[in-house]
Amino acid sequence: MFVGALIIMKREWFLSNFGRMEFFEEKLGIYGGSRLAYLLVGLIAIFIGFSIAFGLINSFMGWLLSPLIRYQKSI
């Protein structure tokens, strides 16, 4: 969670040190492009952090990967 919050708060620093993401600049240039990409990466990191902290990561990953594998929900 901390890493995600850090990415969101310091996304301008990340932009100046790691550069722009060309895909996001091309597709979302009018909406902030790379800044939006760093924001999304930070939000995903926070979501994964909360999932791990509350013990929901196994259920979420099972749901996410269920089309690819046979996932049996254990009771």
Foldseek 3Di string as FASTA:
>chain_A
DVVLVVLLVVVVVCCVPVHFDVVQCVVPVVPPRRNVVSNVVSVVVVVVVVCVVVVNVVVVVCVVCCVPDPDDDDD
